[in-house]
Amino acid sequence: VLLIIFMALMTLTILGAYSLDGKNQYDFGGKLVKINVNKYVKIGLFFISYIFLIVIFLFCEMISDSFLFISFASGIFHTLFLLSAIGFFPILLSTVVLWFLRIIIDFYQYKLAKRGLKPR
């Protein structure tokens, strides 16, 4: 049951991340009208879906090893879990760096728009 719940949550976070519009709003002259903060939520949702993927691999490994007694599938899921767990910190670091880059770029565009200049 928990495996199905985590799969549904991962699917919802991925669909939610793809459905969000993260683009800033510009007028026809190219001036910035509004900075959209959904791009930060979008990055966070992709990271949360990666966490759900790690948990799903862990549950699949435990189910195949403890209940199904399939050592081949348990080995595959264990390898997938280890690879995704090893990739957790680089993906966390890249998510934080991407957040800060987006914040800096949006702040720069906001300063340009405040002066009346076109950010494009």
C-alpha atoms as a PDB file:
ATOM      1  CA  VAL A   1       0.000   0.000   0.000  1.00  0.00           C
ATOM      2  CA  LEU A   2       2.817   2.416   0.854  1.00  0.00           C
ATOM      3  CA  LEU A   3       4.516   1.651  -2.442  1.00  0.00           C
ATOM      4  CA  ILE A   4       1.379   2.588  -4.360  1.00  0.00           C
ATOM      5  CA  ILE A   5       0.976   5.769  -2.293  1.00  0.00           C
ATOM      6  CA  PHE A   6       4.570   6.837  -2.959  1.00  0.00           C
ATOM      7  CA  MET A   7       4.199   6.056  -6.675  1.00  0.00           C
ATOM      8  CA  ALA A   8       1.043   8.179  -6.803  1.00  0.00           C
ATOM      9  CA  LEU A   9       2.748  11.025  -4.929  1.00  0.00           C
ATOM     10  CA  MET A  10       5.734  10.898  -7.282  1.00  0.00           C
ATOM     11  CA  THR A  11       3.411  10.970 -10.285  1.00  0.00           C
ATOM     12  CA  LEU A  12       1.493  13.916  -8.827  1.00  0.00           C
ATOM     13  CA  THR A  13       4.672  15.883  -8.137  1.00  0.00           C
ATOM     14  CA  ILE A  14       5.988  15.286 -11.661  1.00  0.00           C
ATOM     15  CA  LEU A  15       2.662  16.230 -13.241  1.00  0.00           C
ATOM     16  CA  GLY A  16       2.417  19.254 -10.961  1.00  0.00           C
ATOM     17  CA  ALA A  17       5.910  20.371 -11.901  1.00  0.00           C
ATOM     18  CA  TYR A  18       5.198  20.050 -15.627  1.00  0.00           C
ATOM     19  CA  SER A  19       1.853  21.841 -15.344  1.00  0.00           C
ATOM     20  CA  LEU A  20       3.294  24.918 -13.615  1.00  0.00           C
ATOM     21  CA  ASP A  21       4.204  27.855 -15.807  1.00  0.00           C
ATOM     22  CA  GLY A  22       7.480  29.313 -14.607  1.00  0.00           C
ATOM     23  CA  LYS A  23       7.944  32.061 -17.170  1.00  0.00           C
ATOM     24  CA  ASN A  24       8.011  35.719 -16.240  1.00  0.00           C
ATOM     25  CA  GLN A  25       5.310  37.950 -17.700  1.00  0.00           C
ATOM     26  CA  TYR A  26       6.372  40.587 -20.228  1.00  0.00           C
ATOM     27  CA  ASP A  27       4.358  43.184 -22.084  1.00  0.00           C
ATOM     28  CA  PHE A  28       4.445  43.576 -25.858  1.00  0.00           C
ATOM     29  CA  GLY A  29       7.336  46.025 -25.624  1.00  0.00           C
ATOM     30  CA  GLY A  30       9.500  43.492 -23.831  1.00  0.00           C
ATOM     31  CA  LYS A  31       9.332  45.109 -20.388  1.00  0.00           C
ATOM     32  CA  LEU A  32       8.979  42.910 -17.351  1.00  0.00           C
ATOM     33  CA  VAL A  33       5.477  43.005 -15.872  1.00  0.00           C
ATOM     34  CA  LYS A  34       5.647  40.339 -13.173  1.00  0.00           C
ATOM     35  CA  ILE A  35       8.206  37.874 -11.859  1.00  0.00           C
ATOM     36  CA  ASN A  36       6.655  34.437 -11.615  1.00  0.00           C
ATOM     37  CA  VAL A  37       7.703  32.552  -8.476  1.00  0.00           C
ATOM     38  CA  ASN A  38       6.308  29.242  -9.742  1.00  0.00           C
ATOM     39  CA  LYS A  39       9.713  28.420 -11.242  1.00  0.00           C
ATOM     40  CA  TYR A  40      11.091  27.928  -7.724  1.00  0.00           C
ATOM     41  CA  VAL A  41       8.189  25.637  -6.836  1.00  0.00           C
ATOM     42  CA  LYS A  42       8.793  23.727 -10.070  1.00  0.00           C
ATOM     43  CA  ILE A  43      12.434  23.061  -9.188  1.00  0.00           C
ATOM     44  CA  GLY A  44      11.423  21.968  -5.695  1.00  0.00           C
ATOM     45  CA  LEU A  45       8.754  19.600  -7.006  1.00  0.00           C
ATOM     46  CA  PHE A  46      11.262  17.875  -9.276  1.00  0.00           C
ATOM     47  CA  PHE A  47      13.589  17.406  -6.298  1.00  0.00           C
ATOM     48  CA  ILE A  48      10.743  16.018  -4.157  1.00  0.00           C
ATOM     49  CA  SER A  49       9.852  13.581  -6.938  1.00  0.00           C
ATOM     50  CA  TYR A  50      13.483  12.388  -6.910  1.00  0.00           C
ATOM     51  CA  ILE A  51      13.188  11.747  -3.165  1.00  0.00           C
ATOM     52  CA  PHE A  52      10.017   9.744  -3.824  1.00  0.00           C
ATOM     53  CA  LEU A  53      11.923   7.738  -6.450  1.00  0.00           C
ATOM     54  CA  ILE A  54      14.600   6.842  -3.891  1.00  0.00           C
ATOM     55  CA  VAL A  55      11.933   5.713  -1.420  1.00  0.00           C
ATOM     56  CA  ILE A  56      10.192   3.657  -4.128  1.00  0.00           C
ATOM     57  CA  PHE A  57      13.450   1.856  -4.961  1.00  0.00           C
ATOM     58  CA  LEU A  58      13.971   1.132  -1.263  1.00  0.00           C
ATOM     59  CA  PHE A  59      10.444  -0.265  -0.861  1.00  0.00           C
ATOM     60  CA  CYS A  60      10.800  -2.390  -4.003  1.00  0.00           C
ATOM     61  CA  GLU A  61      14.060  -3.808  -2.698  1.00  0.00           C
ATOM     62  CA  MET A  62      12.518  -4.636   0.676  1.00  0.00           C
ATOM     63  CA  ILE A  63       9.393  -6.190  -0.844  1.00  0.00           C
ATOM     64  CA  SER A  64      11.298  -8.345  -3.329  1.00  0.00           C
ATOM     65  CA  ASP A  65      13.767  -9.500  -0.677  1.00  0.00           C
ATOM     66  CA  SER A  66      11.480 -10.019   2.329  1.00  0.00           C
ATOM     67  CA  PHE A  67       8.182 -11.133   0.858  1.00  0.00           C
ATOM     68  CA  LEU A  68       8.773 -12.391  -2.668  1.00  0.00           C
ATOM     69  CA  PHE A  69      12.187 -13.996  -2.037  1.00  0.00           C
ATOM     70  CA  ILE A  70      13.443 -12.973  -5.475  1.00  0.00           C
ATOM     71  CA  SER A  71      17.142 -12.313  -5.052  1.00  0.00           C
ATOM     72  CA  PHE A  72      17.687 -11.176  -8.657  1.00  0.00           C
ATOM     73  CA  ALA A  73      15.056  -8.427  -8.421  1.00  0.00           C
ATOM     74  CA  SER A  74      16.282  -7.519  -4.957  1.00  0.00           C
ATOM     75  CA  GLY A  75      19.796  -7.073  -6.345  1.00  0.00           C
ATOM     76  CA  ILE A  76      18.536  -4.865  -9.166  1.00  0.00           C
ATOM     77  CA  PHE A  77      16.487  -2.680  -6.821  1.00  0.00           C
ATOM     78  CA  HIS A  78      19.363  -2.524  -4.341  1.00  0.00           C
ATOM     79  CA  THR A  79      21.676  -1.306  -7.107  1.00  0.00           C
ATOM     80  CA  LEU A  80      19.106   1.252  -8.266  1.00  0.00           C
ATOM     81  CA  PHE A  81      18.619   2.421  -4.682  1.00  0.00           C
ATOM     82  CA  LEU A  82      22.364   2.795  -4.130  1.00  0.00           C
ATOM     83  CA  LEU A  83      22.846   4.704  -7.386  1.00  0.00           C
ATOM     84  CA  SER A  84      19.968   7.052  -6.626  1.00  0.00           C
ATOM     85  CA  ALA A  85      21.134   7.515  -3.018  1.00  0.00           C
ATOM     86  CA  ILE A  86      24.653   8.331  -4.213  1.00  0.00           C
ATOM     87  CA  GLY A  87      23.186  10.863  -6.632  1.00  0.00           C
ATOM     88  CA  PHE A  88      21.114  12.517  -3.894  1.00  0.00           C
ATOM     89  CA  PHE A  89      23.717  15.033  -2.720  1.00  0.00           C
ATOM     90  CA  PRO A  90      24.851  16.160  -6.196  1.00  0.00           C
ATOM     91  CA  ILE A  91      21.217  16.634  -7.201  1.00  0.00           C
ATOM     92  CA  LEU A  92      20.527  18.490  -3.937  1.00  0.00           C
ATOM     93  CA  LEU A  93      23.518  20.740  -4.577  1.00  0.00           C
ATOM     94  CA  SER A  94      22.508  21.384  -8.188  1.00  0.00           C
ATOM     95  CA  THR A  95      18.938  22.161  -7.067  1.00  0.00           C
ATOM     96  CA  VAL A  96      20.160  24.731  -4.544  1.00  0.00           C
ATOM     97  CA  VAL A  97      22.557  26.273  -7.083  1.00  0.00           C
ATOM     98  CA  LEU A  98      19.773  26.444  -9.675  1.00  0.00           C
ATOM     99  CA  TRP A  99      17.479  28.113  -7.144  1.00  0.00           C
ATOM    100  CA  PHE A 100      20.101  30.750  -6.329  1.00  0.00           C
ATOM    101  CA  LEU A 101      20.869  31.364 -10.006  1.00  0.00           C
ATOM    102  CA  ARG A 102      17.174  31.871 -10.740  1.00  0.00           C
ATOM    103  CA  ILE A 103      16.872  34.257  -7.783  1.00  0.00           C
ATOM    104  CA  ILE A 104      19.900  36.276  -8.950  1.00  0.00           C
ATOM    105  CA  ILE A 105      18.629  36.427 -12.539  1.00  0.00           C
ATOM    106  CA  ASP A 106      15.148  37.476 -11.404  1.00  0.00           C
ATOM    107  CA  PHE A 107      16.601  40.112  -9.082  1.00  0.00           C
ATOM    108  CA  TYR A 108      18.700  41.477 -11.958  1.00  0.00           C
ATOM    109  CA  GLN A 109      15.644  41.570 -14.236  1.00  0.00           C
ATOM    110  CA  TYR A 110      13.605  43.255 -11.483  1.00  0.00           C
ATOM    111  CA  LYS A 111      16.265  45.954 -11.065  1.00  0.00           C
ATOM    112  CA  LEU A 112      16.286  46.559 -14.821  1.00  0.00           C
ATOM    113  CA  ALA A 113      12.493  46.720 -14.939  1.00  0.00           C
ATOM    114  CA  LYS A 114      12.432  49.129 -12.000  1.00  0.00           C
ATOM    115  CA  ARG A 115      14.659  51.502 -13.981  1.00  0.00           C
ATOM    116  CA  GLY A 116      12.408  51.130 -17.009  1.00  0.00           C
ATOM    117  CA  LEU A 117      14.868  49.119 -19.096  1.00  0.00           C
ATOM    118  CA  LYS A 118      14.078  45.988 -21.054  1.00  0.00           C
ATOM    119  CA  PRO A 119      15.572  42.868 -19.479  1.00  0.00           C
ATOM    120  CA  ARG A 120      15.702  40.963 -22.751  1.00  0.00           C
END
